[in-house]
Amino acid sequence: MWIEKNNALTASFRFKNFAEAFAFMTEVALHAEQQQHHPDWRNVWNTVDITLNTHDAGGIVTEKDQKLAATISQVYNKYA
């Protein structure tokens, strides 16, 4: 699901419709806030594209990114 490329983790998530994609983003936002690590993401209708890297570490992938990616994957599994 997650691909590490160009100093970032990226993944694309598909849903049944926009409302489901937005619900996913809302839940991810709550987890991201708790982890104090926020994704770069884009939503078009039923697809959410996410990129993670740690700006404070020079824009590379860190443990913070790995942890948030794992959390995002767990949230997505509720919809899959």
N, C-alpha and C. Protein backbone atom coordinates (compact mmCIF):
# COMPACT_ATOMS: atom_id res chain seq x y z
N MET A 1 0.82 -1.19 0.00
CA MET A 1 0.00 0.00 0.00
C MET A 1 0.87 1.26 0.00
N TRP A 2 1.79 1.40 0.95
CA TRP A 2 2.66 2.57 1.02
C TRP A 2 3.91 2.35 0.18
N ILE A 3 4.33 3.39 -0.52
CA ILE A 3 5.54 3.35 -1.34
C ILE A 3 6.47 4.44 -0.83
N GLU A 4 7.73 4.08 -0.58
CA GLU A 4 8.72 5.08 -0.19
C GLU A 4 9.51 5.47 -1.43
N LYS A 5 9.42 6.76 -1.77
CA LYS A 5 10.07 7.28 -2.97
C LYS A 5 10.31 8.77 -2.80
N ASN A 6 11.46 9.24 -3.24
CA ASN A 6 11.78 10.67 -3.18
C ASN A 6 11.62 11.25 -1.78
N ASN A 7 12.15 10.54 -0.78
CA ASN A 7 12.11 10.99 0.60
C ASN A 7 10.70 11.20 1.15
N ALA A 8 9.77 10.35 0.71
CA ALA A 8 8.40 10.44 1.20
C ALA A 8 7.72 9.08 1.12
N LEU A 9 6.74 8.89 1.99
CA LEU A 9 5.84 7.74 1.88
C LEU A 9 4.58 8.23 1.17
N THR A 10 4.12 7.46 0.18
CA THR A 10 2.91 7.86 -0.54
C THR A 10 1.96 6.67 -0.63
N ALA A 11 0.68 6.98 -0.65
CA ALA A 11 -0.34 5.95 -0.83
C ALA A 11 -1.60 6.61 -1.38
N SER A 12 -2.38 5.82 -2.08
CA SER A 12 -3.66 6.27 -2.63
C SER A 12 -4.75 5.35 -2.10
N PHE A 13 -5.84 5.94 -1.64
CA PHE A 13 -6.94 5.18 -1.03
C PHE A 13 -8.23 5.48 -1.79
N ARG A 14 -8.96 4.42 -2.18
CA ARG A 14 -10.22 4.58 -2.92
C ARG A 14 -11.39 4.15 -2.04
N PHE A 15 -12.51 4.85 -2.23
CA PHE A 15 -13.70 4.62 -1.43
C PHE A 15 -14.93 4.50 -2.34
N LYS A 16 -16.05 4.15 -1.75
CA LYS A 16 -17.29 4.00 -2.52
C LYS A 16 -17.78 5.33 -3.09
N ASN A 17 -17.54 6.41 -2.33
CA ASN A 17 -18.05 7.72 -2.75
C ASN A 17 -17.31 8.83 -1.98
N PHE A 18 -17.67 10.05 -2.26
CA PHE A 18 -17.03 11.20 -1.62
C PHE A 18 -17.26 11.22 -0.12
N ALA A 19 -18.48 10.91 0.32
CA ALA A 19 -18.79 10.96 1.75
C ALA A 19 -17.91 9.99 2.53
N GLU A 20 -17.69 8.81 2.00
CA GLU A 20 -16.84 7.83 2.66
C GLU A 20 -15.38 8.31 2.69
N ALA A 21 -14.92 8.88 1.59
CA ALA A 21 -13.56 9.41 1.55
C ALA A 21 -13.39 10.53 2.58
N PHE A 22 -14.39 11.37 2.70
CA PHE A 22 -14.32 12.49 3.64
C PHE A 22 -14.37 11.99 5.08
N ALA A 23 -15.16 10.96 5.35
CA ALA A 23 -15.21 10.37 6.69
C ALA A 23 -13.84 9.81 7.06
N PHE A 24 -13.20 9.14 6.12
CA PHE A 24 -11.84 8.61 6.32
C PHE A 24 -10.88 9.75 6.66
N MET A 25 -10.94 10.82 5.89
CA MET A 25 -10.05 11.95 6.14
C MET A 25 -10.29 12.57 7.52
N THR A 26 -11.54 12.63 7.92
CA THR A 26 -11.87 13.18 9.23
C THR A 26 -11.26 12.33 10.34
N GLU A 27 -11.39 11.02 10.22
CA GLU A 27 -10.82 10.13 11.23
C GLU A 27 -9.29 10.21 11.24
N VAL A 28 -8.69 10.24 10.06
CA VAL A 28 -7.23 10.38 9.97
C VAL A 28 -6.79 11.70 10.59
N ALA A 29 -7.55 12.76 10.36
CA ALA A 29 -7.19 14.07 10.92
C ALA A 29 -7.12 14.03 12.44
N LEU A 30 -8.04 13.32 13.08
CA LEU A 30 -8.02 13.20 14.54
C LEU A 30 -6.77 12.47 15.02
N HIS A 31 -6.40 11.40 14.34
CA HIS A 31 -5.19 10.66 14.70
C HIS A 31 -3.94 11.50 14.44
N ALA A 32 -3.92 12.20 13.32
CA ALA A 32 -2.77 13.03 12.98
C ALA A 32 -2.57 14.11 14.04
N GLU A 33 -3.65 14.69 14.49
CA GLU A 33 -3.56 15.72 15.52
C GLU A 33 -3.02 15.13 16.82
N GLN A 34 -3.49 13.95 17.19
CA GLN A 34 -2.99 13.29 18.40
C GLN A 34 -1.49 12.99 18.30
N GLN A 35 -1.05 12.62 17.10
CA GLN A 35 0.37 12.29 16.89
C GLN A 35 1.21 13.53 16.59
N GLN A 36 0.56 14.67 16.47
CA GLN A 36 1.21 15.93 16.12
C GLN A 36 2.06 15.78 14.85
N HIS A 37 1.46 15.13 13.87
CA HIS A 37 2.13 14.91 12.59
C HIS A 37 1.05 14.92 11.51
N HIS A 38 1.14 15.81 10.56
CA HIS A 38 0.03 16.06 9.65
C HIS A 38 0.40 15.72 8.21
N PRO A 39 -0.50 15.02 7.52
CA PRO A 39 -0.22 14.59 6.15
C PRO A 39 -0.37 15.71 5.13
N ASP A 40 0.30 15.53 4.02
CA ASP A 40 0.05 16.32 2.82
C ASP A 40 -0.91 15.44 2.02
N TRP A 41 -2.12 15.90 1.80
CA TRP A 41 -3.07 15.04 1.13
C TRP A 41 -3.94 15.80 0.14
N ARG A 42 -4.57 15.00 -0.72
CA ARG A 42 -5.41 15.54 -1.78
C ARG A 42 -6.61 14.61 -1.92
N ASN A 43 -7.77 15.19 -2.05
CA ASN A 43 -8.99 14.40 -2.21
C ASN A 43 -9.71 14.85 -3.48
N VAL A 44 -10.00 13.88 -4.35
CA VAL A 44 -10.85 14.11 -5.51
C VAL A 44 -11.89 13.00 -5.50
N TRP A 45 -13.13 13.39 -5.30
CA TRP A 45 -14.30 12.53 -5.21
C TRP A 45 -14.06 11.35 -4.28
N ASN A 46 -13.75 10.16 -4.80
CA ASN A 46 -13.66 8.97 -3.94
C ASN A 46 -12.22 8.53 -3.69
N THR A 47 -11.26 9.39 -3.99
CA THR A 47 -9.86 9.01 -3.86
C THR A 47 -9.13 10.02 -2.97
N VAL A 48 -8.33 9.48 -2.05
CA VAL A 48 -7.50 10.31 -1.19
C VAL A 48 -6.05 9.89 -1.42
N ASP A 49 -5.22 10.84 -1.84
CA ASP A 49 -3.79 10.61 -2.04
C ASP A 49 -3.06 11.26 -0.87
N ILE A 50 -2.17 10.50 -0.23
CA ILE A 50 -1.46 10.99 0.95
C ILE A 50 0.04 10.87 0.74
N THR A 51 0.75 11.92 1.15
CA THR A 51 2.21 11.93 1.17
C THR A 51 2.66 12.28 2.58
N LEU A 52 3.62 11.51 3.08
CA LEU A 52 4.15 11.75 4.42
C LEU A 52 5.66 11.91 4.37
N ASN A 53 6.16 12.94 5.01
CA ASN A 53 7.57 13.06 5.35
C ASN A 53 7.66 14.07 6.48
N THR A 54 8.82 14.13 7.12
CA THR A 54 8.96 14.97 8.30
C THR A 54 9.74 16.22 7.93
N HIS A 55 9.03 17.34 7.86
CA HIS A 55 9.65 18.60 7.47
C HIS A 55 10.73 19.03 8.46
N ASP A 56 10.47 18.80 9.76
CA ASP A 56 11.44 19.19 10.80
C ASP A 56 12.75 18.42 10.70
N ALA A 57 12.73 17.27 10.02
CA ALA A 57 13.94 16.45 9.87
C ALA A 57 14.58 16.65 8.50
N GLY A 58 14.17 17.68 7.81
CA GLY A 58 14.76 17.96 6.50
C GLY A 58 14.00 17.35 5.34
N GLY A 59 12.72 17.00 5.57
CA GLY A 59 11.90 16.47 4.49
C GLY A 59 12.22 15.03 4.13
N ILE A 60 12.52 14.22 5.15
CA ILE A 60 12.81 12.80 4.92
C ILE A 60 11.78 11.95 5.66
N VAL A 61 11.79 10.67 5.41
CA VAL A 61 10.90 9.74 6.09
C VAL A 61 11.51 9.38 7.44
N THR A 62 10.71 9.54 8.48
CA THR A 62 11.17 9.22 9.84
C THR A 62 10.18 8.26 10.49
N GLU A 63 10.48 7.91 11.72
CA GLU A 63 9.59 7.03 12.50
C GLU A 63 8.20 7.64 12.65
N LYS A 64 8.13 8.96 12.73
CA LYS A 64 6.82 9.63 12.82
C LYS A 64 5.97 9.31 11.60
N ASP A 65 6.60 9.29 10.43
CA ASP A 65 5.87 8.98 9.20
C ASP A 65 5.42 7.53 9.19
N GLN A 66 6.32 6.64 9.60
CA GLN A 66 5.98 5.22 9.64
C GLN A 66 4.81 4.97 10.58
N LYS A 67 4.83 5.63 11.73
CA LYS A 67 3.75 5.46 12.71
C LYS A 67 2.42 5.97 12.17
N LEU A 68 2.43 7.16 11.57
CA LEU A 68 1.19 7.70 11.03
C LEU A 68 0.70 6.86 9.85
N ALA A 69 1.60 6.38 9.02
CA ALA A 69 1.21 5.51 7.90
C ALA A 69 0.52 4.25 8.41
N ALA A 70 1.04 3.66 9.47
CA ALA A 70 0.43 2.46 10.04
C ALA A 70 -0.97 2.78 10.58
N THR A 71 -1.10 3.91 11.22
CA THR A 71 -2.41 4.33 11.74
C THR A 71 -3.39 4.55 10.60
N ILE A 72 -2.95 5.23 9.55
CA ILE A 72 -3.81 5.49 8.39
C ILE A 72 -4.26 4.17 7.76
N SER A 73 -3.36 3.22 7.66
CA SER A 73 -3.71 1.91 7.10
C SER A 73 -4.76 1.22 7.96
N GLN A 74 -4.64 1.32 9.26
CA GLN A 74 -5.64 0.72 10.15
C GLN A 74 -6.99 1.36 9.97
N VAL A 75 -7.01 2.68 9.83
CA VAL A 75 -8.27 3.39 9.59
C VAL A 75 -8.87 2.94 8.26
N TYR A 76 -8.05 2.85 7.24
CA TYR A 76 -8.54 2.45 5.91
C TYR A 76 -9.14 1.05 5.93
N ASN A 77 -8.57 0.16 6.73
CA ASN A 77 -9.08 -1.21 6.78
C ASN A 77 -10.54 -1.28 7.22
N LYS A 78 -11.03 -0.28 7.91
CA LYS A 78 -12.44 -0.22 8.29
C LYS A 78 -13.34 -0.03 7.06
N TYR A 79 -12.77 0.57 6.01
CA TYR A 79 -13.54 0.89 4.81
C TYR A 79 -13.36 -0.12 3.68
N ALA A 80 -12.29 -0.88 3.76
CA ALA A 80 -11.95 -1.80 2.66
C ALA A 80 -12.87 -3.01 2.64
